Each structure stands twice: as structure tokens, then as C-alpha cells.
């Protein structure tokens, strides 16, 4: 079903329309509005997801999964067809960071850092694909005085999980988790600085070293590698992730009924994406937590996907990454049929 929906999505789009977006100085800048269709979705969940994180598998691409944090608590692991492959009850997690191929005692498995909203700390969970199970992973050395309210992934690979932790009072700390051969994994603080406001969401640009943070008060900022805020604007963001589309970096931000692509330096809106229904998949009405992966998942997603939680029907919805790229690079394709619409 997902493959068929992906094929339909790749063929259907509306021509882009010119729109405007207000900059932080109140000026009006032109942006493009592009109407796409949803590729596939999960079944309806018990509660919306407050966090989404793609976990590709470099060795067996078809085994890539997606981690989600339900608003009701715990963690859920989805396959790329939207099916639940593992779930674990637990506290409410506000956000997730992860290293998808972390080497734990010589075995590769996704290692997830989850911001525990009940304790203000970070829980570490591993996912075993062989057992289809989530496992608590002990970590020592995460000694911090801040009350952690959110996390996001920094530069991570098989040897380490680097993540940013956002404090309740605007502090930002970068931490590194490694397997040093001790009884527990080891955490060490890499750096720290203050954000321009108390933030609750973040995303990271690994190429430019920039951190993007947002607050519940519609504040959004770009912080450079030196910890200095270089751009700010007012935008109510319900989810965000960094994406490279056709070689161009973008901050993908869910706001209102759309996903906006923001210039990674100025934070001005360059594209506004809306997502109508596919052949058997409902539209994306109320986008929230999201993640963008340009890694291959094989099958219906050879180029990766955009995964977005929809608060309107509590589904996790997928949009093929290659389809988005093609739609943005060829908006005037008059031979493409219009996407299906609900009657």
C-alpha cells in the first residue's frame, strides 16, 4: 500500500503559487506555496505524538524505523508502513535525540535520548530489532544542574550520541554519550551557553553547526556554533527539523495547517507546503512533531521521507522525500495530474 501511495504522490501536485511571509522586521517577503499529497500513514493512535525521530538502518535499509513519543507517555517504534513494531509504557517525553547505528558492546542498535518531562532529566533507551523490544540503557556522568525540558540530536555516529539539552530557564548544554567499556555508558558535557529565551524545541544543522530553538511563546531563533543568536523571528512552531532538499539547507517548521521551509540563516519563509489526501490516506490537517530523513529506507522511500504527527486524527503521516524534492524543483509541471481531494 505504501509503495502504491508513493507512486501516486510522485505523480500528483499543484503548481506552486506565490505567497508572502512576514519577516522579523515586519517586512513582507515572497514565498512559494506548494500543494502536495500524503504518501502513507499509521493507523489512528491513542494520542498524538509529541516527538518523532527517524532511525535509518545503514546495513539493512528495509529495517529502518521511526521512534515516536505519544502524548500519553512512553515510546512507540514504527516501521515505514506505519505499523507498530514495539512500544513501551512510561513517562511523558517531550522530545527525542538518537544515534541510529550506535555501537553498544560491538552490536549496532539505535540509542535514544528522551527528555523526561516528569523528572527534568534524560532517559536512555535502546531498540533491539531482533527482539522487537525497547531496552533501558544505563548511563553515568550526566551531572547537570539544569531542569531539562527538551533534547535534539547533534553530530552523532556509531561511536557517540551527541545531543543538545534545553533547560527550563533558557540554558543550553551539549552532551556526548559513548561506550567506553565501563559497566555503564559514559556521558560528558561538551559545552554550554544561554539561548535568547526559554526554549522547548530544537533542531540542528550538522553542516553549519547552527542550533535552532523555539518557545511556546512563538519565538524562534538561530544560534551559531559560538552560542550567539544570529537571527530571530516570531513563529508558532509545533515541530521542526533540519532538511537538505536538492542540495539546499532548510529548517522545516510545522505551523498552523502547513509545513514551512525557512531559510537556515535568516529564518524567512521560502516555501509553504500543504498536504492533501492520497488515494487511501487522509490529508495532513494539523501538523505537529516532525522529522526529515534523507537516508534511504528502500521500497517506497529510496530517498527518505518527511514524517509528521497529525493532531487532527492522531496519525503519523509520511511524505516521500524524493517527491518533495521533485515538486520543489519542477513546480510548473503542467503534465502532472492534480492530487486527489476529499469530496
C-alpha atoms as a PDB file:
ATOM      1  CA  UNK A   1       0.000   0.000   0.000  1.00  0.00           C
ATOM      2  CA  UNK A   2       2.782   2.427   0.898  1.00  0.00           C
ATOM      3  CA  UNK A   3       4.560   1.785  -2.415  1.00  0.00           C
ATOM      4  CA  UNK A   4       1.360   2.435  -4.375  1.00  0.00           C
ATOM      5  CA  UNK A   5       0.690   5.612  -2.435  1.00  0.00           C
ATOM      6  CA  UNK A   6       4.255   6.777  -3.021  1.00  0.00           C
ATOM      7  CA  UNK A   7       3.844   6.286  -6.765  1.00  0.00           C
ATOM      8  CA  UNK A   8       0.618   8.270  -6.698  1.00  0.00           C
ATOM      9  CA  UNK A   9       2.262  11.044  -4.674  1.00  0.00           C
ATOM     10  CA  UNK A  10       5.194  11.249  -7.076  1.00  0.00           C
ATOM     11  CA  UNK A  11       2.783  11.939  -9.940  1.00  0.00           C
ATOM     12  CA  UNK A  12       0.368  14.403  -8.321  1.00  0.00           C
ATOM     13  CA  UNK A  13       0.935  18.046  -7.418  1.00  0.00           C
ATOM     14  CA  UNK A  14      -0.499  21.518  -7.902  1.00  0.00           C
ATOM     15  CA  UNK A  15       1.558  24.285  -9.422  1.00  0.00           C
ATOM     16  CA  UNK A  16       3.276  26.478  -6.857  1.00  0.00           C
ATOM     17  CA  UNK A  17       1.649  29.806  -6.023  1.00  0.00           C
ATOM     18  CA  UNK A  18       3.332  32.963  -4.784  1.00  0.00           C
ATOM     19  CA  UNK A  19       2.590  33.798  -1.148  1.00  0.00           C
ATOM     20  CA  UNK A  20       4.011  36.217   1.386  1.00  0.00           C
ATOM     21  CA  UNK A  21       5.628  35.694   4.772  1.00  0.00           C
ATOM     22  CA  UNK A  22       6.306  38.334   7.398  1.00  0.00           C
ATOM     23  CA  UNK A  23       9.931  38.696   8.472  1.00  0.00           C
ATOM     24  CA  UNK A  24      11.086  39.543  11.985  1.00  0.00           C
ATOM     25  CA  UNK A  25      11.277  43.237  10.931  1.00  0.00           C
ATOM     26  CA  UNK A  26       7.667  43.248   9.776  1.00  0.00           C
ATOM     27  CA  UNK A  27       8.555  43.343   6.074  1.00  0.00           C
ATOM     28  CA  UNK A  28       6.816  41.116   3.546  1.00  0.00           C
ATOM     29  CA  UNK A  29       8.976  38.595   1.702  1.00  0.00           C
ATOM     30  CA  UNK A  30       7.759  36.447  -1.184  1.00  0.00           C
ATOM     31  CA  UNK A  31       7.494  32.712  -0.652  1.00  0.00           C
ATOM     32  CA  UNK A  32       6.112  29.838  -2.695  1.00  0.00           C
ATOM     33  CA  UNK A  33       3.056  27.754  -1.766  1.00  0.00           C
ATOM     34  CA  UNK A  34       3.215  24.131  -2.901  1.00  0.00           C
ATOM     35  CA  UNK A  35       0.370  21.640  -2.548  1.00  0.00           C
ATOM     36  CA  UNK A  36       1.463  18.001  -2.145  1.00  0.00           C
ATOM     37  CA  UNK A  37      -0.213  14.750  -1.108  1.00  0.00           C
ATOM     38  CA  UNK A  38       0.412  12.424   1.811  1.00  0.00           C
ATOM     39  CA  UNK A  39       2.170   9.193   0.852  1.00  0.00           C
ATOM     40  CA  UNK A  40       1.156   6.881   3.709  1.00  0.00           C
ATOM     41  CA  UNK A  41       0.114   6.909   7.356  1.00  0.00           C
ATOM     42  CA  UNK A  42      -0.088   4.845  10.507  1.00  0.00           C
ATOM     43  CA  UNK A  43      -3.384   3.732  11.990  1.00  0.00           C
ATOM     44  CA  UNK A  44      -5.085   6.128  14.372  1.00  0.00           C
ATOM     45  CA  UNK A  45      -3.139   6.254  17.649  1.00  0.00           C
ATOM     46  CA  UNK A  46      -4.431   6.655  21.185  1.00  0.00           C
ATOM     47  CA  UNK A  47      -2.814  10.091  21.451  1.00  0.00           C
ATOM     48  CA  UNK A  48      -0.845  12.430  19.178  1.00  0.00           C
ATOM     49  CA  UNK A  49       2.937  12.146  19.088  1.00  0.00           C
ATOM     50  CA  UNK A  50       4.873  14.914  20.855  1.00  0.00           C
ATOM     51  CA  UNK A  51       8.159  13.856  19.226  1.00  0.00           C
ATOM     52  CA  UNK A  52       9.231  11.961  16.087  1.00  0.00           C
ATOM     53  CA  UNK A  53      12.737  10.742  15.195  1.00  0.00           C
ATOM     54  CA  UNK A  54      13.817   8.766  12.113  1.00  0.00           C
ATOM     55  CA  UNK A  55      16.132   5.795  12.776  1.00  0.00           C
ATOM     56  CA  UNK A  56      17.563   4.556   9.450  1.00  0.00           C
ATOM     57  CA  UNK A  57      19.435   1.257   9.215  1.00  0.00           C
ATOM     58  CA  UNK A  58      22.614   1.582   7.142  1.00  0.00           C
ATOM     59  CA  UNK A  59      23.182  -2.189   6.951  1.00  0.00           C
ATOM     60  CA  UNK A  60      19.667  -3.364   6.080  1.00  0.00           C
ATOM     61  CA  UNK A  61      17.838  -0.318   4.738  1.00  0.00           C
ATOM     62  CA  UNK A  62      14.417  -2.004   4.811  1.00  0.00           C
ATOM     63  CA  UNK A  63      14.760  -2.356   8.599  1.00  0.00           C
ATOM     64  CA  UNK A  64      14.826   1.372   9.225  1.00  0.00           C
ATOM     65  CA  UNK A  65      12.249   2.528  11.780  1.00  0.00           C
ATOM     66  CA  UNK A  66      10.795   5.677  13.342  1.00  0.00           C
ATOM     67  CA  UNK A  67      10.593   6.452  17.060  1.00  0.00           C
ATOM     68  CA  UNK A  68       7.608   8.371  18.399  1.00  0.00           C
ATOM     69  CA  UNK A  69       6.755   9.721  21.838  1.00  0.00           C
ATOM     70  CA  UNK A  70       2.986   9.599  22.463  1.00  0.00           C
ATOM     71  CA  UNK A  71       1.467  12.460  24.419  1.00  0.00           C
ATOM     72  CA  UNK A  72       0.083   9.843  26.829  1.00  0.00           C
ATOM     73  CA  UNK A  73       3.620   8.656  27.670  1.00  0.00           C
ATOM     74  CA  UNK A  74       6.173   6.007  26.747  1.00  0.00           C
ATOM     75  CA  UNK A  75       7.765   5.273  23.384  1.00  0.00           C
ATOM     76  CA  UNK A  76       6.497   3.666  20.176  1.00  0.00           C
ATOM     77  CA  UNK A  77       8.575   2.299  17.288  1.00  0.00           C
ATOM     78  CA  UNK A  78       7.011   2.318  13.811  1.00  0.00           C
ATOM     79  CA  UNK A  79       8.090   0.715  10.550  1.00  0.00           C
ATOM     80  CA  UNK A  80       7.886   2.747   7.323  1.00  0.00           C
ATOM     81  CA  UNK A  81       4.428   1.318   6.599  1.00  0.00           C
ATOM     82  CA  UNK A  82       3.207   2.970   9.795  1.00  0.00           C
ATOM     83  CA  UNK A  83       2.881  -0.314  11.684  1.00  0.00           C
ATOM     84  CA  UNK A  84       3.812  -0.509  15.358  1.00  0.00           C
ATOM     85  CA  UNK A  85       6.749  -2.895  15.882  1.00  0.00           C
ATOM     86  CA  UNK A  86       7.488  -2.121  19.544  1.00  0.00           C
ATOM     87  CA  UNK A  87       6.087   0.030  22.329  1.00  0.00           C
ATOM     88  CA  UNK A  88       6.835   0.680  25.952  1.00  0.00           C
ATOM     89  CA  UNK A  89       4.777   2.449  28.601  1.00  0.00           C
ATOM     90  CA  UNK A  90       6.494   5.172  30.565  1.00  0.00           C
ATOM     91  CA  UNK A  91       6.629   8.868  31.399  1.00  0.00           C
ATOM     92  CA  UNK A  92       5.756  11.666  29.005  1.00  0.00           C
ATOM     93  CA  UNK A  93       8.680  12.530  26.751  1.00  0.00           C
ATOM     94  CA  UNK A  94       8.755  15.999  25.198  1.00  0.00           C
ATOM     95  CA  UNK A  95      11.418  15.311  22.568  1.00  0.00           C
ATOM     96  CA  UNK A  96      13.931  12.756  21.332  1.00  0.00           C
ATOM     97  CA  UNK A  97      17.551  12.623  20.187  1.00  0.00           C
ATOM     98  CA  UNK A  98      19.196   9.497  18.787  1.00  0.00           C
ATOM     99  CA  UNK A  99      22.146   7.762  17.171  1.00  0.00           C
ATOM    100  CA  UNK A 100      20.602   5.255  14.770  1.00  0.00           C
ATOM    101  CA  UNK A 101      23.634   2.936  14.497  1.00  0.00           C
ATOM    102  CA  UNK A 102      25.193   3.252  17.949  1.00  0.00           C
ATOM    103  CA  UNK A 103      27.769   0.545  18.696  1.00  0.00           C
ATOM    104  CA  UNK A 104      26.862  -0.940  22.073  1.00  0.00           C
ATOM    105  CA  UNK A 105      29.346  -3.627  23.088  1.00  0.00           C
ATOM    106  CA  UNK A 106      30.042  -4.303  19.424  1.00  0.00           C
ATOM    107  CA  UNK A 107      26.416  -4.521  18.308  1.00  0.00           C
ATOM    108  CA  UNK A 108      24.732  -1.752  16.367  1.00  0.00           C
ATOM    109  CA  UNK A 109      21.369  -0.579  17.669  1.00  0.00           C
ATOM    110  CA  UNK A 110      19.517   2.738  17.815  1.00  0.00           C
ATOM    111  CA  UNK A 111      20.227   4.596  21.064  1.00  0.00           C
ATOM    112  CA  UNK A 112      17.551   7.129  22.000  1.00  0.00           C
ATOM    113  CA  UNK A 113      17.817  10.010  24.463  1.00  0.00           C
ATOM    114  CA  UNK A 114      14.349  11.078  25.643  1.00  0.00           C
ATOM    115  CA  UNK A 115      13.586  14.270  27.582  1.00  0.00           C
ATOM    116  CA  UNK A 116      11.593  13.091  30.611  1.00  0.00           C
ATOM    117  CA  UNK A 117       9.099  15.870  31.361  1.00  0.00           C
ATOM    118  CA  UNK A 118       8.204  14.375  34.741  1.00  0.00           C
ATOM    119  CA  UNK A 119      11.740  14.376  36.173  1.00  0.00           C
ATOM    120  CA  UNK A 120      13.515  17.043  34.100  1.00  0.00           C
ATOM    121  CA  UNK A 121      16.217  14.534  33.170  1.00  0.00           C
ATOM    122  CA  UNK A 122      17.079  12.325  30.184  1.00  0.00           C
ATOM    123  CA  UNK A 123      16.161   8.644  29.837  1.00  0.00           C
ATOM    124  CA  UNK A 124      18.231   6.449  27.519  1.00  0.00           C
ATOM    125  CA  UNK A 125      16.534   3.645  25.596  1.00  0.00           C
ATOM    126  CA  UNK A 126      17.907   1.192  23.058  1.00  0.00           C
ATOM    127  CA  UNK A 127      15.851  -0.552  20.381  1.00  0.00           C
ATOM    128  CA  UNK A 128      16.589  -4.180  19.568  1.00  0.00           C
ATOM    129  CA  UNK A 129      15.279  -5.032  16.100  1.00  0.00           C
ATOM    130  CA  UNK A 130      15.930  -8.735  16.688  1.00  0.00           C
ATOM    131  CA  UNK A 131      13.764  -8.775  19.802  1.00  0.00           C
ATOM    132  CA  UNK A 132      11.387  -6.009  18.654  1.00  0.00           C
ATOM    133  CA  UNK A 133      11.878  -4.559  22.103  1.00  0.00           C
ATOM    134  CA  UNK A 134      12.855  -1.315  23.821  1.00  0.00           C
ATOM    135  CA  UNK A 135      15.567  -1.628  26.465  1.00  0.00           C
ATOM    136  CA  UNK A 136      16.626   0.757  29.218  1.00  0.00           C
ATOM    137  CA  UNK A 137      20.306   1.670  28.864  1.00  0.00           C
ATOM    138  CA  UNK A 138      22.225   2.827  31.972  1.00  0.00           C
ATOM    139  CA  UNK A 139      24.324   5.977  31.504  1.00  0.00           C
ATOM    140  CA  UNK A 140      26.587   7.581  34.098  1.00  0.00           C
ATOM    141  CA  UNK A 141      28.063  11.068  34.243  1.00  0.00           C
ATOM    142  CA  UNK A 142      25.047  13.105  33.121  1.00  0.00           C
ATOM    143  CA  UNK A 143      25.508  15.502  36.024  1.00  0.00           C
ATOM    144  CA  UNK A 144      23.713  18.742  35.277  1.00  0.00           C
ATOM    145  CA  UNK A 145      22.011  21.373  37.390  1.00  0.00           C
ATOM    146  CA  UNK A 146      19.527  22.385  34.703  1.00  0.00           C
ATOM    147  CA  UNK A 147      15.964  21.103  34.530  1.00  0.00           C
ATOM    148  CA  UNK A 148      15.943  19.535  31.068  1.00  0.00           C
ATOM    149  CA  UNK A 149      12.796  20.263  29.055  1.00  0.00           C
ATOM    150  CA  UNK A 150      13.893  19.206  25.558  1.00  0.00           C
ATOM    151  CA  UNK A 151      16.647  17.474  23.586  1.00  0.00           C
ATOM    152  CA  UNK A 152      17.687  17.218  19.938  1.00  0.00           C
ATOM    153  CA  UNK A 153      20.387  15.337  18.057  1.00  0.00           C
ATOM    154  CA  UNK A 154      23.761  16.946  17.371  1.00  0.00           C
ATOM    155  CA  UNK A 155      26.672  15.301  15.469  1.00  0.00           C
ATOM    156  CA  UNK A 156      26.271  11.572  16.150  1.00  0.00           C
ATOM    157  CA  UNK A 157      27.633   8.384  14.644  1.00  0.00           C
ATOM    158  CA  UNK A 158      28.340   4.776  15.601  1.00  0.00           C
ATOM    159  CA  UNK A 159      30.800   5.797  18.306  1.00  0.00           C
ATOM    160  CA  UNK A 160      28.802   8.509  20.040  1.00  0.00           C
ATOM    161  CA  UNK A 161      25.444  10.121  20.640  1.00  0.00           C
ATOM    162  CA  UNK A 162      25.779  13.899  20.822  1.00  0.00           C
ATOM    163  CA  UNK A 163      22.715  15.881  21.824  1.00  0.00           C
ATOM    164  CA  UNK A 164      21.650  19.327  22.966  1.00  0.00           C
ATOM    165  CA  UNK A 165      19.663  19.654  26.189  1.00  0.00           C
ATOM    166  CA  UNK A 166      17.438  22.703  26.719  1.00  0.00           C
ATOM    167  CA  UNK A 167      16.952  23.909  30.294  1.00  0.00           C
ATOM    168  CA  UNK A 168      13.780  25.333  31.802  1.00  0.00           C
ATOM    169  CA  UNK A 169      15.386  28.767  32.204  1.00  0.00           C
ATOM    170  CA  UNK A 170      16.974  29.117  28.767  1.00  0.00           C
ATOM    171  CA  UNK A 171      20.187  27.185  29.332  1.00  0.00           C
ATOM    172  CA  UNK A 172      21.601  25.028  26.542  1.00  0.00           C
ATOM    173  CA  UNK A 173      24.090  22.216  27.134  1.00  0.00           C
ATOM    174  CA  UNK A 174      25.698  19.859  24.649  1.00  0.00           C
ATOM    175  CA  UNK A 175      26.371  16.322  25.872  1.00  0.00           C
ATOM    176  CA  UNK A 176      28.198  13.304  24.451  1.00  0.00           C
ATOM    177  CA  UNK A 177      27.403   9.670  25.276  1.00  0.00           C
ATOM    178  CA  UNK A 178      29.939   6.929  24.450  1.00  0.00           C
ATOM    179  CA  UNK A 179      30.601   3.290  25.228  1.00  0.00           C
ATOM    180  CA  UNK A 180      33.965   3.406  26.994  1.00  0.00           C
ATOM    181  CA  UNK A 181      33.892  -0.242  28.069  1.00  0.00           C
ATOM    182  CA  UNK A 182      32.744   0.532  31.601  1.00  0.00           C
ATOM    183  CA  UNK A 183      29.712  -1.075  33.206  1.00  0.00           C
ATOM    184  CA  UNK A 184      27.570   1.849  32.052  1.00  0.00           C
ATOM    185  CA  UNK A 185      27.742   4.176  29.069  1.00  0.00           C
ATOM    186  CA  UNK A 186      29.577   7.404  29.802  1.00  0.00           C
ATOM    187  CA  UNK A 187      28.189  10.938  29.396  1.00  0.00           C
ATOM    188  CA  UNK A 188      30.318  14.068  29.286  1.00  0.00           C
ATOM    189  CA  UNK A 189      29.415  17.732  28.919  1.00  0.00           C
ATOM    190  CA  UNK A 190      30.893  19.266  25.769  1.00  0.00           C
ATOM    191  CA  UNK A 191      29.792  22.904  26.026  1.00  0.00           C
ATOM    192  CA  UNK A 192      27.073  25.200  27.290  1.00  0.00           C
ATOM    193  CA  UNK A 193      25.552  28.628  26.606  1.00  0.00           C
ATOM    194  CA  UNK A 194      22.284  30.536  27.018  1.00  0.00           C
ATOM    195  CA  UNK A 195      19.515  30.751  24.434  1.00  0.00           C
ATOM    196  CA  UNK A 196      17.825  34.156  23.926  1.00  0.00           C
ATOM    197  CA  UNK A 197      14.675  32.736  25.568  1.00  0.00           C
ATOM    198  CA  UNK A 198      13.430  29.643  27.348  1.00  0.00           C
ATOM    199  CA  UNK A 199      13.092  27.096  24.524  1.00  0.00           C
ATOM    200  CA  UNK A 200      11.102  23.852  24.306  1.00  0.00           C
ATOM    201  CA  UNK A 201      12.061  22.563  20.849  1.00  0.00           C
ATOM    202  CA  UNK A 202      15.285  22.432  18.891  1.00  0.00           C
ATOM    203  CA  UNK A 203      16.829  21.221  15.641  1.00  0.00           C
ATOM    204  CA  UNK A 204      20.433  21.147  14.445  1.00  0.00           C
ATOM    205  CA  UNK A 205      22.256  21.829  11.176  1.00  0.00           C
ATOM    206  CA  UNK A 206      25.265  19.450  11.188  1.00  0.00           C
ATOM    207  CA  UNK A 207      26.937  21.159   8.221  1.00  0.00           C
ATOM    208  CA  UNK A 208      26.715  24.719   9.509  1.00  0.00           C
ATOM    209  CA  UNK A 209      26.839  23.907  13.214  1.00  0.00           C
ATOM    210  CA  UNK A 210      23.733  26.029  13.862  1.00  0.00           C
ATOM    211  CA  UNK A 211      21.134  25.242  16.516  1.00  0.00           C
ATOM    212  CA  UNK A 212      17.505  26.314  16.048  1.00  0.00           C
ATOM    213  CA  UNK A 213      15.319  26.778  19.112  1.00  0.00           C
ATOM    214  CA  UNK A 214      11.662  27.690  19.600  1.00  0.00           C
ATOM    215  CA  UNK A 215       9.478  28.561  22.573  1.00  0.00           C
ATOM    216  CA  UNK A 216       5.744  28.158  23.316  1.00  0.00           C
ATOM    217  CA  UNK A 217       5.513  31.966  23.022  1.00  0.00           C
ATOM    218  CA  UNK A 218       6.046  31.856  19.227  1.00  0.00           C
ATOM    219  CA  UNK A 219       9.746  32.708  19.460  1.00  0.00           C
ATOM    220  CA  UNK A 220      12.212  31.172  17.014  1.00  0.00           C
ATOM    221  CA  UNK A 221      15.971  31.734  16.886  1.00  0.00           C
ATOM    222  CA  UNK A 222      19.114  30.577  15.114  1.00  0.00           C
ATOM    223  CA  UNK A 223      22.197  30.126  17.326  1.00  0.00           C
ATOM    224  CA  UNK A 224      25.594  29.772  15.668  1.00  0.00           C
ATOM    225  CA  UNK A 225      28.447  27.449  16.636  1.00  0.00           C
ATOM    226  CA  UNK A 226      29.754  30.097  19.074  1.00  0.00           C
ATOM    227  CA  UNK A 227      26.490  30.191  21.007  1.00  0.00           C
ATOM    228  CA  UNK A 228      25.425  33.579  19.587  1.00  0.00           C
ATOM    229  CA  UNK A 229      21.884  34.240  18.349  1.00  0.00           C
ATOM    230  CA  UNK A 230      22.217  35.418  14.731  1.00  0.00           C
ATOM    231  CA  UNK A 231      18.547  35.538  13.681  1.00  0.00           C
ATOM    232  CA  UNK A 232      15.154  35.649  15.386  1.00  0.00           C
ATOM    233  CA  UNK A 233      11.526  35.871  14.326  1.00  0.00           C
ATOM    234  CA  UNK A 234       8.036  35.321  15.697  1.00  0.00           C
ATOM    235  CA  UNK A 235       6.582  31.997  14.561  1.00  0.00           C
ATOM    236  CA  UNK A 236       4.377  29.498  16.369  1.00  0.00           C
ATOM    237  CA  UNK A 237       6.219  26.219  15.784  1.00  0.00           C
ATOM    238  CA  UNK A 238       4.680  22.858  16.747  1.00  0.00           C
ATOM    239  CA  UNK A 239       7.514  20.745  15.304  1.00  0.00           C
ATOM    240  CA  UNK A 240      10.732  21.261  13.363  1.00  0.00           C
ATOM    241  CA  UNK A 241      13.682  19.510  11.771  1.00  0.00           C
ATOM    242  CA  UNK A 242      16.617  20.364   9.535  1.00  0.00           C
ATOM    243  CA  UNK A 243      16.398  19.188   5.923  1.00  0.00           C
ATOM    244  CA  UNK A 244      18.611  19.337   2.834  1.00  0.00           C
ATOM    245  CA  UNK A 245      16.378  19.446  -0.251  1.00  0.00           C
ATOM    246  CA  UNK A 246      18.026  19.458  -3.708  1.00  0.00           C
ATOM    247  CA  UNK A 247      21.293  20.457  -2.083  1.00  0.00           C
ATOM    248  CA  UNK A 248      19.778  23.412  -0.217  1.00  0.00           C
ATOM    249  CA  UNK A 249      19.541  23.520   3.578  1.00  0.00           C
ATOM    250  CA  UNK A 250      16.138  24.311   5.115  1.00  0.00           C
ATOM    251  CA  UNK A 251      14.565  24.455   8.535  1.00  0.00           C
ATOM    252  CA  UNK A 252      11.264  22.588   8.209  1.00  0.00           C
ATOM    253  CA  UNK A 253       8.784  24.045  10.704  1.00  0.00           C
ATOM    254  CA  UNK A 254       5.237  22.834  11.342  1.00  0.00           C
ATOM    255  CA  UNK A 255       2.934  25.787  11.958  1.00  0.00           C
ATOM    256  CA  UNK A 256      -0.827  26.077  11.614  1.00  0.00           C
ATOM    257  CA  UNK A 257      -2.016  23.770   8.844  1.00  0.00           C
ATOM    258  CA  UNK A 258       1.246  23.706   6.881  1.00  0.00           C
ATOM    259  CA  UNK A 259       4.947  22.934   6.987  1.00  0.00           C
ATOM    260  CA  UNK A 260       7.082  25.967   6.177  1.00  0.00           C
ATOM    261  CA  UNK A 261      10.593  25.731   4.779  1.00  0.00           C
ATOM    262  CA  UNK A 262      12.693  28.502   6.324  1.00  0.00           C
ATOM    263  CA  UNK A 263      15.976  29.967   5.144  1.00  0.00           C
ATOM    264  CA  UNK A 264      18.561  28.470   7.536  1.00  0.00           C
ATOM    265  CA  UNK A 265      20.319  31.825   8.014  1.00  0.00           C
ATOM    266  CA  UNK A 266      17.593  34.471   8.029  1.00  0.00           C
ATOM    267  CA  UNK A 267      14.654  32.242   9.116  1.00  0.00           C
ATOM    268  CA  UNK A 268      12.490  33.814   6.402  1.00  0.00           C
ATOM    269  CA  UNK A 269       9.881  31.530   4.830  1.00  0.00           C
ATOM    270  CA  UNK A 270      10.812  30.355   1.333  1.00  0.00           C
ATOM    271  CA  UNK A 271       8.167  27.648   0.832  1.00  0.00           C
ATOM    272  CA  UNK A 272       4.828  26.794   2.416  1.00  0.00           C
ATOM    273  CA  UNK A 273       3.894  23.143   1.992  1.00  0.00           C
ATOM    274  CA  UNK A 274       0.378  21.789   2.442  1.00  0.00           C
ATOM    275  CA  UNK A 275      -0.532  18.119   2.131  1.00  0.00           C
ATOM    276  CA  UNK A 276      -3.803  16.846   0.718  1.00  0.00           C
ATOM    277  CA  UNK A 277      -5.124  13.265   0.883  1.00  0.00           C
ATOM    278  CA  UNK A 278      -3.671  10.421  -1.142  1.00  0.00           C
ATOM    279  CA  UNK A 279      -5.712   7.637  -2.688  1.00  0.00           C
ATOM    280  CA  UNK A 280      -6.391   5.915   0.654  1.00  0.00           C
ATOM    281  CA  UNK A 281      -4.599   8.290   3.025  1.00  0.00           C
ATOM    282  CA  UNK A 282      -6.182  11.300   4.773  1.00  0.00           C
ATOM    283  CA  UNK A 283      -4.757  14.791   4.407  1.00  0.00           C
ATOM    284  CA  UNK A 284      -2.303  16.320   6.847  1.00  0.00           C
ATOM    285  CA  UNK A 285      -4.520  18.840   8.660  1.00  0.00           C
ATOM    286  CA  UNK A 286      -2.805  19.749  11.931  1.00  0.00           C
ATOM    287  CA  UNK A 287       0.951  19.080  11.635  1.00  0.00           C
ATOM    288  CA  UNK A 288       2.944  18.776  14.851  1.00  0.00           C
ATOM    289  CA  UNK A 289       6.102  16.905  15.755  1.00  0.00           C
ATOM    290  CA  UNK A 290       8.140  16.008  12.679  1.00  0.00           C
ATOM    291  CA  UNK A 291      11.450  14.689  11.418  1.00  0.00           C
ATOM    292  CA  UNK A 292      13.077  14.672   7.998  1.00  0.00           C
ATOM    293  CA  UNK A 293      15.381  11.870   6.869  1.00  0.00           C
ATOM    294  CA  UNK A 294      17.344  11.913   3.623  1.00  0.00           C
ATOM    295  CA  UNK A 295      18.615   8.380   4.262  1.00  0.00           C
ATOM    296  CA  UNK A 296      17.352   5.500   2.140  1.00  0.00           C
ATOM    297  CA  UNK A 297      14.720   3.208   3.610  1.00  0.00           C
ATOM    298  CA  UNK A 298      14.352   1.167   0.423  1.00  0.00           C
ATOM    299  CA  UNK A 299      10.990   0.213  -1.063  1.00  0.00           C
ATOM    300  CA  UNK A 300       8.640   3.191  -1.126  1.00  0.00           C
ATOM    301  CA  UNK A 301      11.262   5.529   0.357  1.00  0.00           C
ATOM    302  CA  UNK A 302      14.561   5.151  -1.518  1.00  0.00           C
ATOM    303  CA  UNK A 303      15.360   8.809  -0.774  1.00  0.00           C
ATOM    304  CA  UNK A 304      13.925   9.017   2.744  1.00  0.00           C
ATOM    305  CA  UNK A 305      10.799  10.798   3.971  1.00  0.00           C
ATOM    306  CA  UNK A 306       9.162  13.553   5.952  1.00  0.00           C
ATOM    307  CA  UNK A 307       7.323  12.060   8.950  1.00  0.00           C
ATOM    308  CA  UNK A 308       4.754  14.288  10.667  1.00  0.00           C
ATOM    309  CA  UNK A 309       2.355  13.727  13.550  1.00  0.00           C
ATOM    310  CA  UNK A 310      -1.165  14.943  12.740  1.00  0.00           C
ATOM    311  CA  UNK A 311      -3.110  16.192  15.755  1.00  0.00           C
ATOM    312  CA  UNK A 312      -6.399  16.122  13.839  1.00  0.00           C
ATOM    313  CA  UNK A 313      -6.632  12.319  13.674  1.00  0.00           C
ATOM    314  CA  UNK A 314      -3.650  11.200  15.832  1.00  0.00           C
ATOM    315  CA  UNK A 315      -1.902   9.542  12.875  1.00  0.00           C
ATOM    316  CA  UNK A 316       1.772   9.559  11.920  1.00  0.00           C
ATOM    317  CA  UNK A 317       1.910  10.591   8.265  1.00  0.00           C
ATOM    318  CA  UNK A 318       4.690  10.089   5.716  1.00  0.00           C
ATOM    319  CA  UNK A 319       5.598  12.096   2.624  1.00  0.00           C
ATOM    320  CA  UNK A 320       8.216  10.691   0.250  1.00  0.00           C
ATOM    321  CA  UNK A 321      11.410  12.783   0.341  1.00  0.00           C
ATOM    322  CA  UNK A 322      12.170  12.447  -3.367  1.00  0.00           C
ATOM    323  CA  UNK A 323       8.612  13.505  -4.211  1.00  0.00           C
ATOM    324  CA  UNK A 324       9.041  16.700  -2.173  1.00  0.00           C
ATOM    325  CA  UNK A 325      12.346  17.465  -3.895  1.00  0.00           C
ATOM    326  CA  UNK A 326      10.903  16.944  -7.373  1.00  0.00           C
ATOM    327  CA  UNK A 327       7.857  19.067  -6.574  1.00  0.00           C
ATOM    328  CA  UNK A 328      10.005  21.956  -5.407  1.00  0.00           C
ATOM    329  CA  UNK A 329      12.385  21.806  -8.359  1.00  0.00           C
ATOM    330  CA  UNK A 330       9.655  21.416 -11.019  1.00  0.00           C
ATOM    331  CA  UNK A 331       6.627  23.387  -9.708  1.00  0.00           C
ATOM    332  CA  UNK A 332       5.378  24.244 -13.216  1.00  0.00           C
ATOM    333  CA  UNK A 333       4.981  20.649 -14.420  1.00  0.00           C
ATOM    334  CA  UNK A 334       1.750  21.026 -16.376  1.00  0.00           C
ATOM    335  CA  UNK A 335       1.645  17.297 -17.197  1.00  0.00           C
ATOM    336  CA  UNK A 336       1.315  16.256 -13.541  1.00  0.00           C
ATOM    337  CA  UNK A 337      -2.284  15.416 -12.541  1.00  0.00           C
ATOM    338  CA  UNK A 338      -3.878  17.236  -9.651  1.00  0.00           C
ATOM    339  CA  UNK A 339      -3.764  15.476  -6.272  1.00  0.00           C
ATOM    340  CA  UNK A 340      -6.992  13.733  -5.219  1.00  0.00           C
ATOM    341  CA  UNK A 341      -9.253  15.709  -2.925  1.00  0.00           C
ATOM    342  CA  UNK A 342     -11.926  14.712  -0.469  1.00  0.00           C
ATOM    343  CA  UNK A 343     -15.412  15.317  -1.755  1.00  0.00           C
END
